[in-house]
């Protein structure tokens, strides 16, 4: 896949230094398909820092491939967010290496020997940025320093056992991702009304998913349709839980699917019992894909009634598309939240 064209609008061979500068004019976050590595001229060490670059490349080989930018801006951790944002001035290297040296260095330390790795060396006088484009490899799983790595939740992590087993057996899981988008907020003097959209995407290459379903739970509010006879079977926990068991029979590769809902919150109860904080927990999956979760926290103390159609600013914490297998440490917290009512 031509990841460079997806992210930068041109092939890896046509990239220049300014393209990367322009890319970071707006804040960017890492995903399963793009990773950013910064470099410190004062404290950095090429031979030491390339270790993390190779880790990232190994993870892409075991996942769906992607882009790694070495010399990206330093990541900043916003308050209330799990993931870093990358924006502004680049952190270029000052040591120039030839393409062959880089490819041989990377390939020589990853086993089995990988293929499908390309690199662009971008220069602005003495400033150097390395951009790696990695293709998913048919000879996976690969390991670096005796560790199998993968891109999970937008980070390079040790691959879980089920994924390693699947890679050995050449089993491919569809990459399903789910999001909740606040669309509109309104009120009648007593209650708040939050209109939301639930999006489920299939980002897999030429691989469909079947029997896609999701659950959405909100402690503080209830779904507006939960008492309507025609759809009451989809709701439980006194309207706090939506269970959509048959969102779509076949979710085609590259196809999104959307469902809209309205949540109702008693303004007085929300303020006195929850300090105007709203939690949304989305879990979703399909016949072949592992269960994932997306969690959101909203701060209704910040409501601006001049912006009823732009409620995204109310989001104070976002944690999206986390594999359920990777959040077992949160199991007790999640159970308490869901079983609260």
Protein backbone atom coordinates (compact mmCIF):
# COMPACT_ATOMS: atom_id res chain seq x y z
CA UNK A 1 0.00 0.00 0.00
CA UNK A 2 1.20 3.50 -0.83
CA UNK A 3 1.01 4.92 2.70
CA UNK A 4 3.03 7.97 1.71
CA UNK A 5 0.37 9.05 -0.77
CA UNK A 6 -2.35 8.48 1.83
CA UNK A 7 -0.69 10.75 4.40
CA UNK A 8 1.25 13.24 2.29
CA UNK A 9 -0.47 13.18 -1.10
CA UNK A 10 2.65 12.00 -2.93
CA UNK A 11 4.86 8.93 -3.19
CA UNK A 12 7.79 8.35 -0.84
CA UNK A 13 10.23 9.06 -3.67
CA UNK A 14 8.70 12.51 -4.25
CA UNK A 15 8.69 13.67 -0.63
CA UNK A 16 10.74 16.67 0.42
CA UNK A 17 11.60 18.26 3.75
CA UNK A 18 8.90 20.92 3.49
CA UNK A 19 6.22 18.24 3.05
CA UNK A 20 6.98 17.01 6.57
CA UNK A 21 7.05 20.55 7.95
CA UNK A 22 3.65 21.21 6.38
CA UNK A 23 2.30 17.90 7.70
CA UNK A 24 2.87 19.01 11.31
CA UNK A 25 1.41 22.49 10.94
CA UNK A 26 -1.71 20.96 12.48
CA UNK A 27 -1.58 18.65 15.49
CA UNK A 28 -1.23 14.96 14.66
CA UNK A 29 -1.72 11.81 16.71
CA UNK A 30 -0.12 8.42 16.20
CA UNK A 31 -2.33 5.62 14.89
CA UNK A 32 -1.90 1.96 14.04
CA UNK A 33 -0.44 3.07 10.69
CA UNK A 34 1.75 6.07 11.52
CA UNK A 35 4.38 6.58 14.22
CA UNK A 36 6.49 9.60 15.14
CA UNK A 37 10.00 9.59 16.61
CA UNK A 38 11.68 12.80 17.73
CA UNK A 39 15.43 13.38 18.07
CA UNK A 40 17.41 15.59 20.44
CA UNK A 41 20.63 17.07 19.04
CA UNK A 42 21.77 17.77 22.59
CA UNK A 43 20.84 14.50 24.27
CA UNK A 44 20.17 12.15 21.36
CA UNK A 45 22.39 9.35 20.16
CA UNK A 46 21.91 7.95 16.65
CA UNK A 47 22.89 4.37 17.47
CA UNK A 48 20.77 4.35 20.63
CA UNK A 49 17.74 6.07 19.14
CA UNK A 50 17.62 3.84 16.08
CA UNK A 51 16.72 1.02 18.47
CA UNK A 52 13.24 2.53 18.94
CA UNK A 53 12.94 3.10 15.20
CA UNK A 54 13.61 -0.58 14.52
CA UNK A 55 11.06 -1.54 17.18
CA UNK A 56 8.48 0.54 15.35
CA UNK A 57 9.33 -0.97 11.98
CA UNK A 58 9.09 -4.49 13.42
CA UNK A 59 5.65 -3.64 14.82
CA UNK A 60 4.46 -2.41 11.40
CA UNK A 61 5.68 -5.64 9.78
CA UNK A 62 3.51 -7.63 12.20
CA UNK A 63 0.51 -5.34 11.73
CA UNK A 64 -0.79 -3.66 8.59
CA UNK A 65 2.30 -1.66 7.68
CA UNK A 66 2.58 2.10 7.86
CA UNK A 67 4.77 5.20 8.02
CA UNK A 68 7.43 6.04 10.61
CA UNK A 69 8.84 9.59 10.70
CA UNK A 70 12.17 9.96 12.51
CA UNK A 71 12.77 13.62 13.29
CA UNK A 72 9.13 14.46 14.06
CA UNK A 73 8.17 17.15 16.60
CA UNK A 74 8.44 16.19 20.24
CA UNK A 75 5.19 14.72 21.52
CA UNK A 76 3.13 16.67 24.04
CA UNK A 77 0.74 15.01 26.48
CA UNK A 78 -2.45 17.12 26.74
CA UNK A 79 -4.21 17.12 30.08
CA UNK A 80 -6.91 14.47 30.23
CA UNK A 81 -5.79 12.62 27.09
CA UNK A 82 -4.02 9.30 26.90
CA UNK A 83 -2.27 9.89 23.58
CA UNK A 84 0.32 12.53 22.75
CA UNK A 85 -0.05 15.14 20.04
CA UNK A 86 2.72 16.14 17.65
CA UNK A 87 2.77 19.64 16.20
CA UNK A 88 5.10 22.38 15.04
CA UNK A 89 8.87 22.42 14.80
CA UNK A 90 10.59 19.25 13.65
CA UNK A 91 13.46 17.63 15.59
CA UNK A 92 15.81 16.77 12.70
CA UNK A 93 18.90 14.62 12.98
CA UNK A 94 22.37 15.84 12.09
CA UNK A 95 23.88 12.50 11.07
CA UNK A 96 23.50 11.39 7.47
CA UNK A 97 23.32 7.70 6.62
CA UNK A 98 22.90 6.17 3.19
CA UNK A 99 19.73 4.28 2.30
CA UNK A 100 21.55 0.97 1.90
CA UNK A 101 23.16 1.36 5.32
CA UNK A 102 19.80 2.04 6.96
CA UNK A 103 17.97 -0.81 5.24
CA UNK A 104 20.78 -3.25 6.02
CA UNK A 105 20.87 -2.08 9.64
CA UNK A 106 17.14 -2.58 10.09
CA UNK A 107 16.92 -5.84 8.15
CA UNK A 108 19.91 -7.33 9.92
CA UNK A 109 18.35 -6.94 13.36
CA UNK A 110 14.83 -8.19 12.60
CA UNK A 111 14.14 -11.90 12.19
CA UNK A 112 13.10 -13.46 9.93
CA UNK A 113 14.65 -11.18 7.31
CA UNK A 114 11.98 -8.60 6.39
CA UNK A 115 11.10 -7.27 2.97
CA UNK A 116 8.98 -4.30 1.95
CA UNK A 117 10.88 -1.58 3.83
CA UNK A 118 11.68 1.69 2.06
CA UNK A 119 13.19 4.91 3.37
CA UNK A 120 13.28 8.51 2.17
CA UNK A 121 16.11 10.75 3.39
CA UNK A 122 14.92 14.35 3.43
CA UNK A 123 17.42 17.19 3.86
CA UNK A 124 17.28 20.89 4.57
CA UNK A 125 20.97 21.84 4.61
CA UNK A 126 22.35 20.03 7.67
CA UNK A 127 18.90 19.03 8.95
CA UNK A 128 17.87 15.45 8.16
CA UNK A 129 14.55 13.61 8.44
CA UNK A 130 14.18 9.87 7.80
CA UNK A 131 10.77 8.63 6.63
CA UNK A 132 10.25 4.85 6.57
CA UNK A 133 7.41 3.19 4.66
CA UNK A 134 6.74 -0.38 5.76
CA UNK A 135 4.49 -2.97 4.13
CA UNK A 136 2.69 -5.71 5.99
CA UNK A 137 4.83 -8.81 5.61
CA UNK A 138 3.79 -12.27 4.51
CA UNK A 139 6.65 -13.79 6.49
CA UNK A 140 5.47 -12.55 9.87
CA UNK A 141 5.63 -12.79 12.79
CA UNK A 142 8.89 -10.87 13.04
CA UNK A 143 10.83 -10.24 16.21
CA UNK A 144 13.42 -7.74 17.37
CA UNK A 145 15.68 -8.60 20.30
CA UNK A 146 13.62 -11.74 20.95
CA UNK A 147 10.36 -9.79 21.24
CA UNK A 148 7.37 -9.89 18.90
CA UNK A 149 5.98 -6.39 18.46
CA UNK A 150 2.79 -4.98 16.93
CA UNK A 151 0.95 -1.68 16.50
CA UNK A 152 -1.86 -1.67 19.05
CA UNK A 153 -3.99 1.33 20.03
CA UNK A 154 -1.66 3.66 18.11
CA UNK A 155 1.45 2.44 19.94
CA UNK A 156 4.25 -0.08 19.48
CA UNK A 157 3.73 -2.81 22.07
CA UNK A 158 4.72 -6.44 22.65
CA UNK A 159 2.27 -8.50 20.61
CA UNK A 160 -0.32 -10.43 22.67
CA UNK A 161 -0.23 -14.22 22.45
CA UNK A 162 -3.40 -14.54 20.37
CA UNK A 163 -1.94 -12.21 17.73
CA UNK A 164 1.37 -14.07 17.59
CA UNK A 165 -0.53 -17.33 17.22
CA UNK A 166 -2.67 -15.84 14.47
CA UNK A 167 0.40 -14.56 12.61
CA UNK A 168 2.04 -18.00 12.76
CA UNK A 169 -1.16 -19.56 11.42
CA UNK A 170 -1.55 -16.73 8.88
CA UNK A 171 -4.94 -15.85 10.32
CA UNK A 172 -5.99 -12.31 9.44
CA UNK A 173 -8.40 -10.45 11.70
CA UNK A 174 -10.48 -7.65 10.17
CA UNK A 175 -9.42 -4.29 11.56
CA UNK A 176 -12.69 -2.88 12.90
CA UNK A 177 -12.66 0.53 14.58
CA UNK A 178 -15.49 2.29 16.40
CA UNK A 179 -16.07 5.89 17.37
CA UNK A 180 -18.71 7.98 19.13
CA UNK A 181 -19.21 11.49 17.77
CA UNK A 182 -21.23 14.11 19.67
CA UNK A 183 -23.42 15.87 17.11
CA UNK A 184 -25.63 18.31 19.02
CA UNK A 185 -26.53 19.36 22.55
CA UNK A 186 -29.77 21.04 23.64
CA UNK A 187 -31.97 21.45 26.74
CA UNK A 188 -35.54 22.13 27.86
CA UNK A 189 -34.72 23.72 31.21
CA UNK A 190 -34.86 20.40 33.07
CA UNK A 191 -32.95 17.94 30.88
CA UNK A 192 -29.95 17.96 28.59
CA UNK A 193 -30.30 16.20 25.22
CA UNK A 194 -27.14 14.89 23.57
CA UNK A 195 -27.40 13.65 19.98
CA UNK A 196 -24.61 11.27 19.04
CA UNK A 197 -23.51 9.14 16.10
CA UNK A 198 -21.83 5.76 16.47
CA UNK A 199 -19.48 4.93 13.61
CA UNK A 200 -18.08 1.47 12.90
CA UNK A 201 -15.39 1.26 10.19
CA UNK A 202 -13.71 -1.66 8.47
CA UNK A 203 -10.16 -0.55 7.70
CA UNK A 204 -8.95 -3.99 6.54
CA UNK A 205 -7.56 -4.48 3.08
CA UNK A 206 -9.86 -6.66 0.97
CA UNK A 207 -11.32 -8.40 4.03
CA UNK A 208 -14.94 -8.14 5.03
CA UNK A 209 -16.34 -8.58 8.52
CA UNK A 210 -19.60 -10.32 9.36
CA UNK A 211 -22.25 -9.98 12.07
CA UNK A 212 -20.99 -6.67 13.41
CA UNK A 213 -22.46 -5.61 16.76
CA UNK A 214 -21.83 -3.02 19.44
CA UNK A 215 -22.83 -1.96 22.93
CA UNK A 216 -22.90 1.58 24.26
CA UNK A 217 -23.23 2.26 27.98
CA UNK A 218 -23.78 5.58 29.75
CA UNK A 219 -24.02 5.73 33.53
CA UNK A 220 -25.34 9.25 33.85
CA UNK A 221 -27.93 9.38 31.06
CA UNK A 222 -30.47 7.15 29.35
CA UNK A 223 -31.34 6.56 25.70
CA UNK A 224 -34.43 8.43 24.56
CA UNK A 225 -36.03 5.45 22.77
CA UNK A 226 -35.67 2.85 25.49
CA UNK A 227 -39.40 2.86 26.35
CA UNK A 228 -40.62 2.65 22.74
CA UNK A 229 -42.13 -0.81 22.20
CA UNK A 230 -40.73 -1.33 18.71
CA UNK A 231 -37.10 -0.98 19.81
CA UNK A 232 -37.29 -1.54 23.59
CA UNK A 233 -35.57 -4.94 23.21
CA UNK A 234 -32.36 -3.12 22.24
CA UNK A 235 -32.08 -1.36 25.60
CA UNK A 236 -31.49 -2.56 29.15
CA UNK A 237 -30.27 -1.26 32.52
CA UNK A 238 -33.24 1.14 32.62
CA UNK A 239 -32.21 2.66 29.33
CA UNK A 240 -28.56 3.16 30.19
CA UNK A 241 -27.30 0.35 27.92
CA UNK A 242 -27.85 0.03 24.16
CA UNK A 243 -27.15 -3.42 22.69
CA UNK A 244 -27.14 -3.47 18.88
CA UNK A 245 -26.70 -7.15 18.04
CA UNK A 246 -27.12 -6.84 14.28
CA UNK A 247 -25.75 -3.52 13.09
CA UNK A 248 -24.86 -5.00 9.70
CA UNK A 249 -24.53 -8.54 8.32
CA UNK A 250 -21.48 -7.77 6.16
CA UNK A 251 -19.23 -4.75 6.74
CA UNK A 252 -17.20 -4.43 3.56
CA UNK A 253 -13.58 -3.38 3.46
CA UNK A 254 -13.35 0.40 3.50
CA UNK A 255 -17.05 0.79 4.31
CA UNK A 256 -18.28 2.75 7.35
CA UNK A 257 -21.60 2.15 9.09
CA UNK A 258 -23.39 4.68 11.28
CA UNK A 259 -26.15 4.64 13.88
CA UNK A 260 -27.66 7.70 15.59
CA UNK A 261 -29.04 7.98 19.13
CA UNK A 262 -30.13 10.60 21.65
CA UNK A 263 -29.13 10.55 25.32
CA UNK A 264 -31.13 12.36 28.01
CA UNK A 265 -29.61 13.68 31.24
CA UNK A 266 -31.47 15.21 34.16
CA UNK A 267 -29.55 18.46 34.68
CA UNK A 268 -30.01 18.55 38.46
CA UNK A 269 -28.98 14.92 38.97
CA UNK A 270 -26.00 15.25 36.65
CA UNK A 271 -24.73 18.25 38.60
CA UNK A 272 -25.32 16.96 42.13
CA UNK A 273 -24.37 13.30 41.62
CA UNK A 274 -21.75 13.38 38.87
CA UNK A 275 -20.31 16.92 38.87
CA UNK A 276 -21.62 17.31 35.30
CA UNK A 277 -19.34 14.52 34.06
CA UNK A 278 -20.59 12.08 31.42
CA UNK A 279 -18.98 8.72 30.58
CA UNK A 280 -19.55 6.72 27.40
CA UNK A 281 -18.26 3.17 26.96
CA UNK A 282 -18.48 1.67 23.46
CA UNK A 283 -17.59 -1.99 22.88
CA UNK A 284 -17.81 -3.59 19.45
CA UNK A 285 -16.68 -6.49 17.29
CA UNK A 286 -17.71 -9.04 14.73
CA UNK A 287 -17.56 -12.70 13.82
CA UNK A 288 -13.81 -12.66 13.15
CA UNK A 289 -12.47 -9.51 14.79
CA UNK A 290 -11.47 -9.31 18.47
CA UNK A 291 -13.52 -7.16 20.82
CA UNK A 292 -12.44 -3.53 21.08
CA UNK A 293 -13.47 -0.64 23.29
CA UNK A 294 -13.64 3.14 22.96
CA UNK A 295 -14.13 5.27 26.08
CA UNK A 296 -15.08 8.93 26.34
CA UNK A 297 -15.47 11.42 29.15
CA UNK A 298 -17.38 14.67 28.66
CA UNK A 299 -17.45 17.77 30.87
CA UNK A 300 -20.87 19.43 30.79
CA UNK A 301 -19.54 22.23 33.01
CA UNK A 302 -18.07 23.65 29.81
CA UNK A 303 -21.34 23.85 27.86
CA UNK A 304 -21.49 26.89 25.60
CA UNK A 305 -25.04 27.34 24.34
CA UNK A 306 -23.70 29.49 21.51
CA UNK A 307 -22.25 26.29 20.02
CA UNK A 308 -25.06 23.70 20.23
CA UNK A 309 -24.03 22.03 16.95
CA UNK A 310 -20.34 21.70 17.85
CA UNK A 311 -20.26 19.73 21.13
CA UNK A 312 -16.90 18.04 20.49
CA UNK A 313 -15.26 20.61 22.77
CA UNK A 314 -17.02 18.92 25.72
CA UNK A 315 -14.81 15.83 25.32
CA UNK A 316 -12.22 15.86 28.10
CA UNK A 317 -10.83 12.32 27.73
CA UNK A 318 -10.73 10.02 24.70
CA UNK A 319 -9.42 6.45 24.56
CA UNK A 320 -10.39 4.79 21.29
CA UNK A 321 -10.12 1.32 19.76
CA UNK A 322 -8.40 -0.42 22.62
CA UNK A 323 -8.26 -4.18 22.28
CA UNK A 324 -10.24 -5.82 25.05
CA UNK A 325 -7.38 -8.28 25.51
CA UNK A 326 -5.11 -5.34 26.39
CA UNK A 327 -7.35 -3.74 29.02
CA UNK A 328 -7.67 -6.60 31.49
CA UNK A 329 -6.09 -4.33 34.08
CA UNK A 330 -9.22 -2.17 33.75
CA UNK A 331 -11.57 -5.14 34.11
CA UNK A 332 -12.64 -4.39 37.68
CA UNK A 333 -13.26 -0.72 36.90
CA UNK A 334 -15.33 -1.55 33.81
CA UNK A 335 -17.38 -4.17 35.65
CA UNK A 336 -18.16 -1.75 38.46
CA UNK A 337 -19.23 0.86 35.93
CA UNK A 338 -21.48 -1.44 33.91
CA UNK A 339 -22.99 -3.25 36.91
CA UNK A 340 -23.57 -0.05 38.83
CA UNK A 341 -27.26 -0.04 37.90
